[in-house]
Amino acid sequence: MIKGAIFDMDGLMFDTERLAKQGWLSAAKQLNYPITEEMIDHIRGTNVAYSKKLFLTTYGEKVDYDLARKVRTDYVNEWIEEHGVPIKKGLKELLSYLKEKEIPCAVATSTHRELATKYLKMAGVFDYFTEVVFGDEVSKGKPDPEIFLTAASKLGVSCKDCIILEDSPHGIKAGFAAGAKVIGIEDLTPLAKESLEMTTWVCESLDQVIEKIK
């Protein structure tokens, strides 16, 4: 029996990982930095501390991470201010179903409080969630399970009784480590074998989830 549902945000509920990737590529071009698509895909779903450390290890002083991230963030924010938050197919239908079944929902996102709250409210889904755990609330980011364990605790349920919806390899690994049933939603790239082995179900989009959990 499912007692709670925990959602990732970027790339899962909103098509913002695609924007972020374009933002990183824009930063690489503007600043003449050697940031590769492979690196961008690798840091997907991680927090600032993790990605900054990886940049430093990989690029050393060739790349000013904070400056590149600012260019990337400005790109995403400007796009969203003009076009609105790009909502993933099936999100509101799934949230409505979970609400009807009285299954409490939480968001567990690596994004910081102010920006994540803004996106959730702009998308009109903030009130569907009983709890939200932001990236700046936890000491360890994904793939560590801390953020999901915290979200489940806030919902008052055990992670083993939750479904966790994720699109990134790091997020799937974190959900699996937390002991939950992980639903992998394919986003920018197909899920690799390691991720597939950690999922209970895999869906191409959120509108397929309801049939899996009925």
C-alpha atoms as a PDB file:
ATOM      1  CA  MET A   1       0.000   0.000   0.000  1.00  0.00           C
ATOM      2  CA  ILE A   2       1.354   3.407  -0.979  1.00  0.00           C
ATOM      3  CA  LYS A   3       1.313   5.815   1.960  1.00  0.00           C
ATOM      4  CA  GLY A   4       3.220   8.699   0.383  1.00  0.00           C
ATOM      5  CA  ALA A   5       4.503  10.033  -2.935  1.00  0.00           C
ATOM      6  CA  ILE A   6       7.722  12.026  -3.244  1.00  0.00           C
ATOM      7  CA  PHE A   7       8.432  13.987  -6.400  1.00  0.00           C
ATOM      8  CA  ASP A   8      11.668  15.334  -7.776  1.00  0.00           C
ATOM      9  CA  MET A   9      11.077  18.712  -9.467  1.00  0.00           C
ATOM     10  CA  ASP A  10      13.438  19.666 -12.305  1.00  0.00           C
ATOM     11  CA  GLY A  11      13.181  17.292 -15.243  1.00  0.00           C
ATOM     12  CA  LEU A  12      10.423  15.319 -13.516  1.00  0.00           C
ATOM     13  CA  MET A  13       7.554  17.747 -12.983  1.00  0.00           C
ATOM     14  CA  PHE A  14       8.933  20.567 -15.098  1.00  0.00           C
ATOM     15  CA  ASP A  15      10.881  20.419 -18.353  1.00  0.00           C
ATOM     16  CA  THR A  16      13.598  22.587 -16.812  1.00  0.00           C
ATOM     17  CA  GLU A  17      16.543  20.202 -17.175  1.00  0.00           C
ATOM     18  CA  ARG A  18      16.387  20.788 -20.920  1.00  0.00           C
ATOM     19  CA  LEU A  19      16.549  24.539 -20.269  1.00  0.00           C
ATOM     20  CA  ALA A  20      19.390  24.093 -17.782  1.00  0.00           C
ATOM     21  CA  LYS A  21      21.381  22.128 -20.342  1.00  0.00           C
ATOM     22  CA  GLN A  22      20.943  24.904 -22.885  1.00  0.00           C
ATOM     23  CA  GLY A  23      21.959  27.374 -20.172  1.00  0.00           C
ATOM     24  CA  TRP A  24      25.199  25.515 -19.437  1.00  0.00           C
ATOM     25  CA  LEU A  25      25.984  25.312 -23.160  1.00  0.00           C
ATOM     26  CA  SER A  26      25.291  29.026 -23.462  1.00  0.00           C
ATOM     27  CA  ALA A  27      27.702  29.687 -20.584  1.00  0.00           C
ATOM     28  CA  ALA A  28      30.362  27.530 -22.248  1.00  0.00           C
ATOM     29  CA  LYS A  29      30.022  29.494 -25.481  1.00  0.00           C
ATOM     30  CA  GLN A  30      29.899  32.946 -23.890  1.00  0.00           C
ATOM     31  CA  LEU A  31      32.803  32.339 -21.523  1.00  0.00           C
ATOM     32  CA  ASN A  32      34.789  30.066 -23.832  1.00  0.00           C
ATOM     33  CA  TYR A  33      34.738  27.290 -21.227  1.00  0.00           C
ATOM     34  CA  PRO A  34      35.352  23.594 -22.062  1.00  0.00           C
ATOM     35  CA  ILE A  35      32.069  22.431 -20.476  1.00  0.00           C
ATOM     36  CA  THR A  36      30.888  19.297 -22.281  1.00  0.00           C
ATOM     37  CA  GLU A  37      27.431  17.810 -22.740  1.00  0.00           C
ATOM     38  CA  GLU A  38      28.695  14.717 -20.899  1.00  0.00           C
ATOM     39  CA  MET A  39      29.515  16.843 -17.853  1.00  0.00           C
ATOM     40  CA  ILE A  40      26.127  18.563 -17.998  1.00  0.00           C
ATOM     41  CA  ASP A  41      24.359  15.190 -18.134  1.00  0.00           C
ATOM     42  CA  HIS A  42      26.490  13.885 -15.271  1.00  0.00           C
ATOM     43  CA  ILE A  43      25.563  16.697 -12.865  1.00  0.00           C
ATOM     44  CA  ARG A  44      21.854  16.489 -13.659  1.00  0.00           C
ATOM     45  CA  GLY A  45      19.855  16.140 -10.447  1.00  0.00           C
ATOM     46  CA  THR A  46      22.745  17.016  -8.124  1.00  0.00           C
ATOM     47  CA  ASN A  47      23.124  19.985  -5.794  1.00  0.00           C
ATOM     48  CA  VAL A  48      25.486  22.945  -6.078  1.00  0.00           C
ATOM     49  CA  ALA A  49      28.129  21.510  -3.727  1.00  0.00           C
ATOM     50  CA  TYR A  50      28.389  18.247  -5.694  1.00  0.00           C
ATOM     51  CA  SER A  51      28.505  19.844  -9.142  1.00  0.00           C
ATOM     52  CA  LYS A  52      30.931  22.575  -8.055  1.00  0.00           C
ATOM     53  CA  LYS A  53      33.324  19.978  -6.642  1.00  0.00           C
ATOM     54  CA  LEU A  54      33.130  17.943  -9.851  1.00  0.00           C
ATOM     55  CA  PHE A  55      33.808  21.029 -11.976  1.00  0.00           C
ATOM     56  CA  LEU A  56      36.847  21.851  -9.867  1.00  0.00           C
ATOM     57  CA  THR A  57      38.172  18.292 -10.106  1.00  0.00           C
ATOM     58  CA  THR A  58      37.617  18.151 -13.862  1.00  0.00           C
ATOM     59  CA  TYR A  59      38.447  21.650 -15.050  1.00  0.00           C
ATOM     60  CA  GLY A  60      40.532  23.170 -12.270  1.00  0.00           C
ATOM     61  CA  GLU A  61      40.961  26.926 -12.683  1.00  0.00           C
ATOM     62  CA  LYS A  62      39.955  26.839 -16.363  1.00  0.00           C
ATOM     63  CA  VAL A  63      36.317  27.280 -15.331  1.00  0.00           C
ATOM     64  CA  ASP A  64      34.788  29.698 -12.806  1.00  0.00           C
ATOM     65  CA  TYR A  65      31.887  27.527 -11.687  1.00  0.00           C
ATOM     66  CA  ASP A  66      29.951  30.313  -9.958  1.00  0.00           C
ATOM     67  CA  LEU A  67      30.133  32.559 -13.019  1.00  0.00           C
ATOM     68  CA  ALA A  68      29.115  29.756 -15.373  1.00  0.00           C
ATOM     69  CA  ARG A  69      26.219  28.797 -13.095  1.00  0.00           C
ATOM     70  CA  LYS A  70      25.020  32.409 -13.013  1.00  0.00           C
ATOM     71  CA  VAL A  71      24.915  32.514 -16.834  1.00  0.00           C
ATOM     72  CA  ARG A  72      23.047  29.203 -16.830  1.00  0.00           C
ATOM     73  CA  THR A  73      20.574  30.367 -14.146  1.00  0.00           C
ATOM     74  CA  ASP A  74      19.924  33.683 -15.890  1.00  0.00           C
ATOM     75  CA  TYR A  75      19.202  31.816 -19.126  1.00  0.00           C
ATOM     76  CA  VAL A  76      16.639  29.559 -17.427  1.00  0.00           C
ATOM     77  CA  ASN A  77      14.984  32.359 -15.458  1.00  0.00           C
ATOM     78  CA  GLU A  78      14.669  34.625 -18.493  1.00  0.00           C
ATOM     79  CA  TRP A  79      13.071  31.820 -20.517  1.00  0.00           C
ATOM     80  CA  ILE A  80      10.580  31.040 -17.747  1.00  0.00           C
ATOM     81  CA  GLU A  81       9.693  34.697 -17.169  1.00  0.00           C
ATOM     82  CA  GLU A  82       8.828  34.947 -20.859  1.00  0.00           C
ATOM     83  CA  HIS A  83       7.182  31.568 -21.464  1.00  0.00           C
ATOM     84  CA  GLY A  84       6.141  30.271 -18.022  1.00  0.00           C
ATOM     85  CA  VAL A  85       7.147  27.040 -16.272  1.00  0.00           C
ATOM     86  CA  PRO A  86       7.122  24.141 -18.783  1.00  0.00           C
ATOM     87  CA  ILE A  87       4.958  21.498 -17.083  1.00  0.00           C
ATOM     88  CA  LYS A  88       5.512  17.842 -17.923  1.00  0.00           C
ATOM     89  CA  LYS A  89       2.730  15.841 -19.535  1.00  0.00           C
ATOM     90  CA  GLY A  90       0.426  14.140 -17.041  1.00  0.00           C
ATOM     91  CA  LEU A  91       1.621  15.980 -13.919  1.00  0.00           C
ATOM     92  CA  LYS A  92      -1.651  17.579 -12.852  1.00  0.00           C
ATOM     93  CA  GLU A  93      -3.644  14.438 -13.644  1.00  0.00           C
ATOM     94  CA  LEU A  94      -1.309  12.376 -11.435  1.00  0.00           C
ATOM     95  CA  LEU A  95      -1.416  14.904  -8.604  1.00  0.00           C
ATOM     96  CA  SER A  96      -5.223  15.009  -8.794  1.00  0.00           C
ATOM     97  CA  TYR A  97      -5.365  11.212  -8.643  1.00  0.00           C
ATOM     98  CA  LEU A  98      -3.117  11.072  -5.574  1.00  0.00           C
ATOM     99  CA  LYS A  99      -5.190  13.778  -3.895  1.00  0.00           C
ATOM    100  CA  GLU A 100      -8.391  11.848  -4.629  1.00  0.00           C
ATOM    101  CA  LYS A 101      -6.831   8.736  -3.064  1.00  0.00           C
ATOM    102  CA  GLU A 102      -5.684  10.827  -0.053  1.00  0.00           C
ATOM    103  CA  ILE A 103      -2.031   9.912  -0.611  1.00  0.00           C
ATOM    104  CA  PRO A 104       0.096  12.770   0.779  1.00  0.00           C
ATOM    105  CA  CYS A 105       2.707  14.196  -1.573  1.00  0.00           C
ATOM    106  CA  ALA A 106       6.052  15.905  -1.040  1.00  0.00           C
ATOM    107  CA  VAL A 107       8.646  17.532  -3.268  1.00  0.00           C
ATOM    108  CA  ALA A 108      12.329  16.684  -2.755  1.00  0.00           C
ATOM    109  CA  THR A 109      14.371  19.000  -4.944  1.00  0.00           C
ATOM    110  CA  SER A 110      18.030  19.978  -5.145  1.00  0.00           C
ATOM    111  CA  THR A 111      16.871  23.491  -6.054  1.00  0.00           C
ATOM    112  CA  HIS A 112      16.983  26.115  -3.316  1.00  0.00           C
ATOM    113  CA  ARG A 113      13.850  27.265  -1.496  1.00  0.00           C
ATOM    114  CA  GLU A 114      13.170  30.627  -3.150  1.00  0.00           C
ATOM    115  CA  LEU A 115      13.455  29.441  -6.740  1.00  0.00           C
ATOM    116  CA  ALA A 116      11.700  26.109  -6.219  1.00  0.00           C
ATOM    117  CA  THR A 117       8.773  27.780  -4.427  1.00  0.00           C
ATOM    118  CA  LYS A 118       8.487  30.293  -7.269  1.00  0.00           C
ATOM    119  CA  TYR A 119       8.351  27.557  -9.908  1.00  0.00           C
ATOM    120  CA  LEU A 120       5.841  25.432  -7.978  1.00  0.00           C
ATOM    121  CA  LYS A 121       3.516  28.413  -7.510  1.00  0.00           C
ATOM    122  CA  MET A 122       3.890  29.632 -11.094  1.00  0.00           C
ATOM    123  CA  ALA A 123       2.968  26.143 -12.306  1.00  0.00           C
ATOM    124  CA  GLY A 124      -0.110  26.072 -10.079  1.00  0.00           C
ATOM    125  CA  VAL A 125       0.867  22.879  -8.245  1.00  0.00           C
ATOM    126  CA  PHE A 126       2.264  24.148  -4.931  1.00  0.00           C
ATOM    127  CA  ASP A 127      -0.935  23.401  -2.995  1.00  0.00           C
ATOM    128  CA  TYR A 128      -0.940  19.741  -4.009  1.00  0.00           C
ATOM    129  CA  PHE A 129       2.059  19.135  -1.755  1.00  0.00           C
ATOM    130  CA  THR A 130       1.905  18.645   1.993  1.00  0.00           C
ATOM    131  CA  GLU A 131       5.666  19.079   2.356  1.00  0.00           C
ATOM    132  CA  VAL A 132       8.598  20.399   0.334  1.00  0.00           C
ATOM    133  CA  VAL A 133      12.262  19.674   1.080  1.00  0.00           C
ATOM    134  CA  PHE A 134      14.673  22.048  -0.654  1.00  0.00           C
ATOM    135  CA  GLY A 135      18.316  21.598  -1.571  1.00  0.00           C
ATOM    136  CA  ASP A 136      19.444  24.103   1.042  1.00  0.00           C
ATOM    137  CA  GLU A 137      17.719  22.130   3.829  1.00  0.00           C
ATOM    138  CA  VAL A 138      19.931  19.052   3.639  1.00  0.00           C
ATOM    139  CA  SER A 139      23.659  18.596   4.184  1.00  0.00           C
ATOM    140  CA  LYS A 140      24.088  15.885   1.551  1.00  0.00           C
ATOM    141  CA  GLY A 141      22.689  16.055  -1.960  1.00  0.00           C
ATOM    142  CA  LYS A 142      21.587  13.266  -4.288  1.00  0.00           C
ATOM    143  CA  PRO A 143      22.759  10.503  -4.772  1.00  0.00           C
ATOM    144  CA  ASP A 144      22.738  10.474  -0.950  1.00  0.00           C
ATOM    145  CA  PRO A 145      19.221   9.495   0.249  1.00  0.00           C
ATOM    146  CA  GLU A 146      19.026  12.216   2.938  1.00  0.00           C
ATOM    147  CA  ILE A 147      16.580  14.435   1.045  1.00  0.00           C
ATOM    148  CA  PHE A 148      14.111  11.576   0.473  1.00  0.00           C
ATOM    149  CA  LEU A 149      14.389  10.294   4.029  1.00  0.00           C
ATOM    150  CA  THR A 150      13.699  13.828   5.238  1.00  0.00           C
ATOM    151  CA  ALA A 151      10.676  14.167   2.955  1.00  0.00           C
ATOM    152  CA  ALA A 152       9.200  10.856   4.127  1.00  0.00           C
ATOM    153  CA  SER A 153       9.776  11.835   7.739  1.00  0.00           C
ATOM    154  CA  LYS A 154       7.956  15.123   7.174  1.00  0.00           C
ATOM    155  CA  LEU A 155       5.048  13.198   5.651  1.00  0.00           C
ATOM    156  CA  GLY A 156       5.027  10.952   8.714  1.00  0.00           C
ATOM    157  CA  VAL A 157       5.573   7.753   6.741  1.00  0.00           C
ATOM    158  CA  SER A 158       8.388   5.296   6.135  1.00  0.00           C
ATOM    159  CA  CYS A 159      10.272   5.540   2.835  1.00  0.00           C
ATOM    160  CA  LYS A 160       9.558   1.851   2.187  1.00  0.00           C
ATOM    161  CA  ASP A 161       5.873   2.780   1.982  1.00  0.00           C
ATOM    162  CA  CYS A 162       6.501   5.590  -0.508  1.00  0.00           C
ATOM    163  CA  ILE A 163       6.861   5.894  -4.219  1.00  0.00           C
ATOM    164  CA  ILE A 164       9.619   8.216  -5.390  1.00  0.00           C
ATOM    165  CA  LEU A 165       9.378   9.698  -8.866  1.00  0.00           C
ATOM    166  CA  GLU A 166      12.708  10.572 -10.449  1.00  0.00           C
ATOM    167  CA  ASP A 167      14.267  11.204 -13.846  1.00  0.00           C
ATOM    168  CA  SER A 168      18.004  11.475 -13.113  1.00  0.00           C
ATOM    169  CA  PRO A 169      20.485   8.673 -12.364  1.00  0.00           C
ATOM    170  CA  HIS A 170      21.576  10.397  -9.143  1.00  0.00           C
ATOM    171  CA  GLY A 171      17.981  10.807  -8.007  1.00  0.00           C
ATOM    172  CA  ILE A 172      17.085   7.206  -8.796  1.00  0.00           C
ATOM    173  CA  LYS A 173      20.133   6.032  -6.853  1.00  0.00           C
ATOM    174  CA  ALA A 174      19.116   8.188  -3.885  1.00  0.00           C
ATOM    175  CA  GLY A 175      15.540   6.887  -3.946  1.00  0.00           C
ATOM    176  CA  PHE A 176      16.717   3.288  -4.110  1.00  0.00           C
ATOM    177  CA  ALA A 177      19.113   3.874  -1.202  1.00  0.00           C
ATOM    178  CA  ALA A 178      16.227   5.336   0.795  1.00  0.00           C
ATOM    179  CA  GLY A 179      14.362   2.031   0.436  1.00  0.00           C
ATOM    180  CA  ALA A 180      11.427   3.359  -1.566  1.00  0.00           C
ATOM    181  CA  LYS A 181       9.697   2.069  -4.673  1.00  0.00           C
ATOM    182  CA  VAL A 182      11.317   4.190  -7.378  1.00  0.00           C
ATOM    183  CA  ILE A 183       9.457   5.129 -10.534  1.00  0.00           C
ATOM    184  CA  GLY A 184      11.900   6.167 -13.221  1.00  0.00           C
ATOM    185  CA  ILE A 185      10.608   8.704 -15.737  1.00  0.00           C
ATOM    186  CA  GLU A 186      12.779   9.073 -18.804  1.00  0.00           C
ATOM    187  CA  ASP A 187      13.715  12.691 -19.541  1.00  0.00           C
ATOM    188  CA  LEU A 188      16.694  13.882 -21.585  1.00  0.00           C
ATOM    189  CA  THR A 189      18.264  10.457 -22.059  1.00  0.00           C
ATOM    190  CA  PRO A 190      17.098   6.822 -21.754  1.00  0.00           C
ATOM    191  CA  LEU A 191      17.764   5.301 -18.342  1.00  0.00           C
ATOM    192  CA  ALA A 192      20.977   3.292 -18.175  1.00  0.00           C
ATOM    193  CA  LYS A 193      21.088  -0.331 -16.988  1.00  0.00           C
ATOM    194  CA  GLU A 194      22.242   0.655 -13.479  1.00  0.00           C
ATOM    195  CA  SER A 195      19.266   2.999 -13.071  1.00  0.00           C
ATOM    196  CA  LEU A 196      16.817   0.473 -14.501  1.00  0.00           C
ATOM    197  CA  GLU A 197      17.929  -2.099 -11.933  1.00  0.00           C
ATOM    198  CA  MET A 198      17.034   0.333  -9.132  1.00  0.00           C
ATOM    199  CA  THR A 199      13.522   1.124 -10.351  1.00  0.00           C
ATOM    200  CA  THR A 200      10.277  -0.651  -9.574  1.00  0.00           C
ATOM    201  CA  TRP A 201       8.632   0.778 -12.672  1.00  0.00           C
ATOM    202  CA  VAL A 202       9.790   2.821 -15.658  1.00  0.00           C
ATOM    203  CA  CYS A 203       7.483   5.186 -17.533  1.00  0.00           C
ATOM    204  CA  GLU A 204       8.025   7.333 -20.580  1.00  0.00           C
ATOM    205  CA  SER A 205       5.955  10.106 -19.020  1.00  0.00           C
ATOM    206  CA  LEU A 206       3.961  10.933 -15.884  1.00  0.00           C
ATOM    207  CA  ASP A 207       0.635  10.149 -17.514  1.00  0.00           C
ATOM    208  CA  GLN A 208       1.593   6.440 -17.410  1.00  0.00           C
ATOM    209  CA  VAL A 209       2.141   6.360 -13.642  1.00  0.00           C
ATOM    210  CA  ILE A 210      -1.486   6.077 -12.543  1.00  0.00           C
ATOM    211  CA  GLU A 211      -1.884   2.688 -14.252  1.00  0.00           C
ATOM    212  CA  LYS A 212       1.257   1.417 -12.504  1.00  0.00           C
ATOM    213  CA  ILE A 213       0.151   2.316  -8.985  1.00  0.00           C
ATOM    214  CA  LYS A 214      -3.561   1.469  -9.115  1.00  0.00           C
END
